[in-house]
Amino acid sequence: MTHASETTVPRPGGGFRIDLKAAAPFIALAVLLVFGALLNPNFVSAANLLNVLTRCAFIAIIAVGATFVIASGGLDLSVGSMAAFIAGSMILIMNGMGGDPTIGTIALAMLIALGIGALCGLANGVVTTAGRIEPFIVTLGTMGIFRALVIWLAEGGSIAMKDQELRALYRPVYFGNVFGIPIPVLVFLAVAAIAAFVLYKTRFGRHVLAVGSNEEVARYSGIPVGRVRTLTYVVQGLCVAVAVLVYVPRLGAATPTTGLLWELQAITAVVIGGTALRGGTGRVWGTVCGALILEVVGNIMVLSDLVSEYLIGAVQGAIIIVAMLVQRSMSRRT
């Protein structure tokens, strides 16, 4: 079971030793940063590094939610389609409010978006646990449902914010900064910090890891397995909604392709971060590091001529396969 510190474990005789499994993603990120600097000096510029952090915010936030689901032994393939559905619904709500654009209009739309995200996650969780259906099948189905709903709402086109004043009022949520730190970066760090506290320091977090480790033992210990699993999907839905709140002001629109393949990136970030797909472990900060690794790899590909930037998806797919092979190899050794 993962403890508060993800990279150190206590020694029997006192003190701490480095947990190589937990430290691996951070070491890999450091190596990538050095490699990127050697390839292109512009890679380590403050502007580029802040851009990398900002662009990885969406996947990092969603992947934090995925850490809870996967740690409990579940899986959610619908997050990309869910993000598109929430974004489209949120924009339609703002377009339909009318009146003079105010911060209150945006705040109300944000609250509704969070509610939609929680309900989407609740639907995934209830069908999975009450229906006793494999989460892969359930979320594969809802992935299609959410994507179809977006296409229907957009009538095959896009859903854009009509009020330019409202859009200008909302833009700082993505493009603004606090003391030089982009707001999306602050948001994903806050989400990660809250998630780490919940997973490592609360009863719910311990129950999540126990359910993922051994469902039968958890049930005999009095843990409400179904409720815990369902709540992890609600957490996932809320994280998707938070990512959407930061994403919408970037483009001011949602399309049927919004969030495409985000589920692949989120799961890859979780696996790279050291959370086992079989459940029982959860490394929130490792997940954040995994999201950063994916964005750094993409950034290096853009700034160099080693591999075409059009192959970013292929490289990310290869990364998750390699990460799984490494994870399995390290599990056999222990």
Protein backbone atom coordinates (compact mmCIF):
# COMPACT_ATOMS: atom_id res chain seq x y z
CA MET A 1 0.00 0.00 0.00
CA THR A 2 1.30 3.48 -0.88
CA HIS A 3 2.21 5.81 1.97
CA ALA A 4 2.31 9.59 2.16
CA SER A 5 5.82 9.74 0.78
CA GLU A 6 5.84 8.13 -2.65
CA THR A 7 9.58 7.77 -3.08
CA THR A 8 10.70 6.61 0.38
CA VAL A 9 9.78 3.65 2.58
CA PRO A 10 10.76 3.04 6.23
CA ARG A 11 13.58 0.63 7.01
CA PRO A 12 13.04 -2.07 9.67
CA GLY A 13 15.92 -0.62 11.71
CA GLY A 14 14.84 2.97 11.39
CA GLY A 15 15.42 5.64 8.77
CA PHE A 16 14.26 5.53 5.16
CA ARG A 17 15.38 4.07 1.88
CA ILE A 18 14.54 5.07 -1.67
CA ASP A 19 11.68 3.14 -3.28
CA LEU A 20 12.98 2.69 -6.84
CA LYS A 21 9.51 1.86 -8.19
CA ALA A 22 8.16 5.16 -6.94
CA ALA A 23 11.27 7.16 -7.85
CA ALA A 24 11.52 5.76 -11.41
CA PRO A 25 9.16 8.30 -13.09
CA PHE A 26 10.94 11.24 -11.43
CA ILE A 27 14.32 9.90 -12.56
CA ALA A 28 12.94 9.42 -16.09
CA LEU A 29 11.62 13.01 -16.10
CA ALA A 30 15.02 14.35 -15.00
CA VAL A 31 16.75 12.38 -17.78
CA LEU A 32 14.27 13.71 -20.35
CA LEU A 33 14.85 17.29 -19.19
CA VAL A 34 18.61 16.89 -19.62
CA PHE A 35 18.12 15.21 -23.01
CA GLY A 36 15.81 18.01 -24.18
CA ALA A 37 18.29 20.67 -23.06
CA LEU A 38 21.09 18.98 -25.01
CA LEU A 39 18.95 18.77 -28.16
CA ASN A 40 17.69 22.35 -28.07
CA PRO A 41 18.77 25.08 -25.59
CA ASN A 42 15.33 26.71 -26.00
CA PHE A 43 13.80 23.67 -24.33
CA VAL A 44 14.89 24.81 -20.85
CA SER A 45 13.77 28.40 -21.30
CA ALA A 46 11.30 29.59 -18.68
CA ALA A 47 8.69 30.35 -21.34
CA ASN A 48 8.87 26.84 -22.82
CA LEU A 49 8.84 25.04 -19.47
CA LEU A 50 5.83 27.06 -18.31
CA ASN A 51 4.12 26.22 -21.61
CA VAL A 52 4.80 22.51 -21.00
CA LEU A 53 3.37 22.73 -17.48
CA THR A 54 0.29 24.59 -18.70
CA ARG A 55 -0.42 22.22 -21.59
CA CYS A 56 -0.15 19.12 -19.37
CA ALA A 57 -2.64 20.53 -16.84
CA PHE A 58 -5.74 18.95 -18.46
CA ILE A 59 -4.30 15.44 -18.60
CA ALA A 60 -2.69 15.77 -15.16
CA ILE A 61 -6.01 16.68 -13.53
CA ILE A 62 -7.91 13.89 -15.31
CA ALA A 63 -5.13 11.40 -14.56
CA VAL A 64 -5.30 12.23 -10.84
CA GLY A 65 -8.94 11.12 -10.91
CA ALA A 66 -7.96 8.04 -12.91
CA THR A 67 -5.48 7.15 -10.14
CA PHE A 68 -8.39 6.64 -7.74
CA VAL A 69 -10.34 4.52 -10.22
CA ILE A 70 -7.38 2.34 -11.20
CA ALA A 71 -6.11 2.03 -7.61
CA SER A 72 -9.52 0.58 -6.68
CA GLY A 73 -9.27 -1.99 -9.47
CA GLY A 74 -11.44 -0.13 -12.00
CA LEU A 75 -10.91 1.56 -15.36
CA ASP A 76 -12.55 4.51 -17.12
CA LEU A 77 -12.28 4.81 -20.91
CA SER A 78 -14.92 7.52 -21.16
CA VAL A 79 -12.98 10.52 -19.78
CA GLY A 80 -12.21 12.11 -23.16
CA SER A 81 -15.80 11.89 -24.37
CA MET A 82 -17.03 12.98 -20.94
CA ALA A 83 -14.80 16.07 -21.14
CA ALA A 84 -16.29 16.97 -24.54
CA PHE A 85 -19.83 16.49 -23.23
CA ILE A 86 -19.23 18.60 -20.11
CA ALA A 87 -17.51 21.34 -22.14
CA GLY A 88 -20.33 21.46 -24.69
CA SER A 89 -23.01 21.50 -21.97
CA MET A 90 -21.21 24.23 -20.03
CA ILE A 91 -20.89 26.49 -23.10
CA LEU A 92 -24.56 25.98 -24.00
CA ILE A 93 -25.53 26.89 -20.44
CA MET A 94 -23.48 30.10 -20.59
CA ASN A 95 -24.91 30.95 -24.01
CA GLY A 96 -28.43 30.47 -22.70
CA MET A 97 -28.10 32.58 -19.57
CA GLY A 98 -28.33 35.91 -21.35
CA GLY A 99 -28.05 39.27 -19.63
CA ASP A 100 -24.85 41.18 -18.93
CA PRO A 101 -21.80 38.90 -18.61
CA THR A 102 -20.54 38.70 -15.02
CA ILE A 103 -18.24 36.60 -12.88
CA GLY A 104 -21.41 35.17 -11.33
CA THR A 105 -22.51 33.82 -14.72
CA ILE A 106 -19.21 31.98 -15.11
CA ALA A 107 -19.25 30.75 -11.50
CA LEU A 108 -22.77 29.32 -11.88
CA ALA A 109 -21.80 27.59 -15.15
CA MET A 110 -18.74 26.15 -13.39
CA LEU A 111 -20.86 24.73 -10.57
CA ILE A 112 -23.25 23.15 -13.05
CA ALA A 113 -20.30 21.67 -14.98
CA LEU A 114 -18.97 20.13 -11.76
CA GLY A 115 -22.42 18.68 -11.11
CA ILE A 116 -22.59 17.20 -14.61
CA GLY A 117 -19.13 15.67 -14.14
CA ALA A 118 -20.13 14.13 -10.82
CA LEU A 119 -23.32 12.69 -12.34
CA CYS A 120 -21.43 11.23 -15.30
CA GLY A 121 -18.98 9.58 -12.91
CA LEU A 122 -21.85 8.38 -10.71
CA ALA A 123 -23.51 6.78 -13.75
CA ASN A 124 -20.31 4.92 -14.62
CA GLY A 125 -19.87 3.80 -11.02
CA VAL A 126 -23.45 2.66 -10.41
CA VAL A 127 -23.72 0.68 -13.65
CA THR A 128 -20.33 -0.94 -12.98
CA THR A 129 -20.98 -1.91 -9.36
CA ALA A 130 -24.76 -2.47 -9.25
CA GLY A 131 -24.84 -4.11 -12.65
CA ARG A 132 -21.69 -6.13 -11.91
CA ILE A 133 -20.37 -5.39 -15.38
CA GLU A 134 -16.70 -5.09 -16.24
CA PRO A 135 -15.67 -1.39 -16.09
CA PHE A 136 -14.00 -1.76 -19.48
CA ILE A 137 -17.38 -2.59 -21.07
CA VAL A 138 -19.36 0.04 -19.14
CA THR A 139 -17.01 2.93 -19.85
CA LEU A 140 -16.53 1.82 -23.46
CA GLY A 141 -20.30 2.16 -23.79
CA THR A 142 -20.50 5.53 -22.04
CA MET A 143 -17.58 6.74 -24.14
CA GLY A 144 -19.77 6.29 -27.20
CA ILE A 145 -22.82 7.79 -25.47
CA PHE A 146 -21.04 10.96 -24.30
CA ARG A 147 -19.40 11.48 -27.71
CA ALA A 148 -22.72 11.01 -29.51
CA LEU A 149 -24.41 13.50 -27.18
CA VAL A 150 -21.77 16.11 -28.04
CA ILE A 151 -22.28 15.55 -31.76
CA TRP A 152 -26.05 15.85 -31.25
CA LEU A 153 -25.75 19.03 -29.17
CA ALA A 154 -23.38 20.55 -31.73
CA GLU A 155 -25.49 19.29 -34.63
CA GLY A 156 -22.34 17.89 -36.18
CA GLY A 157 -20.44 21.16 -35.88
CA SER A 158 -18.99 23.02 -32.90
CA ILE A 159 -20.40 24.70 -29.80
CA ALA A 160 -18.81 28.14 -29.28
CA MET A 161 -19.23 30.87 -26.70
CA LYS A 162 -21.35 33.52 -28.41
CA ASP A 163 -20.82 36.41 -26.01
CA GLN A 164 -17.35 37.82 -26.67
CA GLU A 165 -17.42 39.86 -23.46
CA LEU A 166 -18.11 36.74 -21.44
CA ARG A 167 -15.35 34.92 -23.28
CA ALA A 168 -12.91 37.76 -22.53
CA LEU A 169 -13.97 37.61 -18.88
CA TYR A 170 -13.29 33.85 -18.77
CA ARG A 171 -9.96 33.83 -20.70
CA PRO A 172 -7.73 34.59 -17.66
CA VAL A 173 -8.64 31.19 -16.16
CA TYR A 174 -6.36 29.64 -18.80
CA PHE A 175 -4.14 32.53 -19.92
CA GLY A 176 -3.77 34.32 -16.57
CA ASN A 177 -1.13 33.80 -13.91
CA VAL A 178 -0.49 34.41 -10.22
CA PHE A 179 3.02 35.66 -9.41
CA GLY A 180 4.17 34.39 -12.79
CA ILE A 181 2.72 30.89 -12.36
CA PRO A 182 -0.02 30.03 -14.91
CA ILE A 183 -3.43 29.44 -13.33
CA PRO A 184 -3.83 25.95 -14.92
CA VAL A 185 -0.59 24.90 -13.21
CA LEU A 186 -1.85 26.14 -9.83
CA VAL A 187 -5.12 24.29 -10.40
CA PHE A 188 -3.54 20.93 -11.17
CA LEU A 189 -1.11 21.27 -8.25
CA ALA A 190 -4.03 22.04 -5.93
CA VAL A 191 -6.02 19.07 -7.28
CA ALA A 192 -3.00 16.78 -6.84
CA ALA A 193 -2.37 18.01 -3.29
CA ILE A 194 -6.00 17.45 -2.26
CA ALA A 195 -6.04 14.04 -3.95
CA ALA A 196 -2.80 12.99 -2.24
CA PHE A 197 -4.22 13.97 1.14
CA VAL A 198 -7.46 12.06 0.50
CA LEU A 199 -5.71 8.94 -0.80
CA TYR A 200 -2.98 8.75 1.85
CA LYS A 201 -4.49 10.36 4.95
CA THR A 202 -8.20 9.51 5.00
CA ARG A 203 -10.27 6.40 5.63
CA PHE A 204 -11.72 6.62 2.14
CA GLY A 205 -8.23 6.55 0.64
CA ARG A 206 -7.29 3.48 2.67
CA HIS A 207 -10.51 1.79 1.58
CA VAL A 208 -9.75 2.56 -2.09
CA LEU A 209 -6.36 0.85 -1.84
CA ALA A 210 -7.77 -2.06 0.15
CA VAL A 211 -10.53 -2.70 -2.40
CA GLY A 212 -8.03 -2.60 -5.26
CA SER A 213 -5.63 -4.89 -3.43
CA ASN A 214 -8.12 -7.64 -2.59
CA GLU A 215 -11.84 -7.11 -3.02
CA GLU A 216 -12.92 -10.18 -1.04
CA VAL A 217 -10.70 -9.40 1.94
CA ALA A 218 -11.94 -5.81 1.88
CA ARG A 219 -15.56 -6.99 1.86
CA TYR A 220 -14.98 -9.36 4.80
CA SER A 221 -13.31 -6.47 6.65
CA GLY A 222 -16.57 -4.52 6.47
CA ILE A 223 -15.58 -2.12 3.72
CA PRO A 224 -18.54 -1.18 1.46
CA VAL A 225 -16.79 -2.22 -1.77
CA GLY A 226 -19.55 -1.07 -4.13
CA ARG A 227 -19.85 2.36 -2.54
CA VAL A 228 -16.08 2.90 -2.51
CA ARG A 229 -15.73 1.93 -6.18
CA THR A 230 -18.67 4.12 -7.15
CA LEU A 231 -17.18 7.10 -5.33
CA THR A 232 -13.89 6.69 -7.20
CA TYR A 233 -15.80 7.18 -10.47
CA VAL A 234 -17.46 10.26 -8.99
CA VAL A 235 -13.98 11.57 -8.13
CA GLN A 236 -12.97 10.86 -11.72
CA GLY A 237 -15.99 12.75 -13.05
CA LEU A 238 -15.21 15.75 -10.82
CA CYS A 239 -11.59 15.78 -12.00
CA VAL A 240 -12.72 15.71 -15.63
CA ALA A 241 -15.04 18.64 -14.90
CA VAL A 242 -12.23 20.63 -13.24
CA ALA A 243 -10.03 20.00 -16.30
CA VAL A 244 -12.87 21.28 -18.51
CA LEU A 245 -13.19 24.46 -16.43
CA VAL A 246 -9.57 25.23 -17.31
CA TYR A 247 -9.84 23.98 -20.91
CA VAL A 248 -12.91 25.91 -22.12
CA PRO A 249 -11.36 29.42 -21.94
CA ARG A 250 -8.44 28.21 -24.06
CA LEU A 251 -10.47 27.88 -27.26
CA GLY A 252 -13.91 29.07 -26.16
CA ALA A 253 -15.52 26.14 -27.97
CA ALA A 254 -16.21 22.41 -27.86
CA THR A 255 -16.30 20.09 -30.87
CA PRO A 256 -16.98 16.37 -31.44
CA THR A 257 -13.18 15.85 -31.37
CA THR A 258 -12.62 17.62 -28.04
CA GLY A 259 -10.85 15.31 -25.59
CA LEU A 260 -10.03 12.74 -28.29
CA LEU A 261 -7.59 10.11 -26.91
CA TRP A 262 -7.40 11.85 -23.52
CA GLU A 263 -8.27 8.51 -21.95
CA LEU A 264 -5.11 6.98 -23.48
CA GLN A 265 -2.97 9.82 -22.16
CA ALA A 266 -4.55 9.72 -18.69
CA ILE A 267 -4.11 5.96 -18.31
CA THR A 268 -0.55 6.22 -19.65
CA ALA A 269 0.27 8.94 -17.10
CA VAL A 270 -1.11 6.78 -14.28
CA VAL A 271 0.86 3.71 -15.38
CA ILE A 272 4.08 5.67 -15.89
CA GLY A 273 3.57 7.14 -12.43
CA GLY A 274 3.72 3.71 -10.82
CA THR A 275 0.06 2.88 -10.17
CA ALA A 276 -0.57 -0.76 -11.11
CA LEU A 277 -3.46 -1.43 -13.49
CA ARG A 278 -4.45 -4.40 -11.33
CA GLY A 279 -5.16 -2.00 -8.45
CA GLY A 280 -3.99 -1.85 -4.85
CA THR A 281 -1.48 0.97 -5.25
CA GLY A 282 -1.91 4.65 -6.00
CA ARG A 283 0.78 7.25 -6.60
CA VAL A 284 -0.76 10.68 -7.11
CA TRP A 285 2.49 12.61 -7.52
CA GLY A 286 3.83 9.84 -9.72
CA THR A 287 0.76 10.33 -11.92
CA VAL A 288 1.46 14.07 -12.17
CA CYS A 289 5.05 13.22 -13.11
CA GLY A 290 3.72 10.79 -15.74
CA ALA A 291 1.59 13.54 -17.29
CA LEU A 292 4.63 15.81 -17.38
CA ILE A 293 6.69 13.09 -19.06
CA LEU A 294 4.11 12.74 -21.84
CA GLU A 295 4.07 16.49 -22.47
CA VAL A 296 7.86 16.76 -22.30
CA VAL A 297 8.22 13.96 -24.85
CA GLY A 298 5.78 15.74 -27.17
CA ASN A 299 7.59 19.05 -26.67
CA ILE A 300 10.96 17.51 -27.45
CA MET A 301 9.51 16.01 -30.64
CA VAL A 302 8.23 19.43 -31.70
CA LEU A 303 11.54 21.20 -30.97
CA SER A 304 13.75 18.54 -32.60
CA ASP A 305 13.82 16.65 -35.87
CA LEU A 306 14.43 13.21 -34.35
CA VAL A 307 10.84 12.01 -34.84
CA SER A 308 7.94 13.66 -36.67
CA GLU A 309 5.56 15.51 -34.35
CA TYR A 310 2.71 13.74 -36.17
CA LEU A 311 3.82 10.51 -34.45
CA ILE A 312 3.23 11.82 -30.92
CA GLY A 313 0.23 9.48 -30.51
CA ALA A 314 2.32 6.51 -31.64
CA VAL A 315 5.08 7.39 -29.19
CA GLN A 316 2.58 7.71 -26.33
CA GLY A 317 1.11 4.33 -27.25
CA ALA A 318 4.59 2.80 -27.20
CA ILE A 319 5.31 4.44 -23.84
CA ILE A 320 2.36 2.76 -22.12
CA ILE A 321 3.40 -0.66 -23.50
CA VAL A 322 6.99 -0.18 -22.32
CA ALA A 323 5.77 1.10 -18.93
CA MET A 324 3.61 -2.00 -18.48
CA LEU A 325 6.51 -4.29 -19.40
CA VAL A 326 8.79 -2.53 -16.91
CA GLN A 327 6.09 -2.61 -14.22
CA ARG A 328 5.55 -6.35 -14.71
CA SER A 329 9.29 -7.02 -14.69
CA MET A 330 9.78 -5.13 -11.42
CA SER A 331 6.80 -6.93 -9.86
CA ARG A 332 8.32 -10.32 -10.66
CA ARG A 333 11.59 -9.35 -8.99
CA THR A 334 9.79 -8.38 -5.81
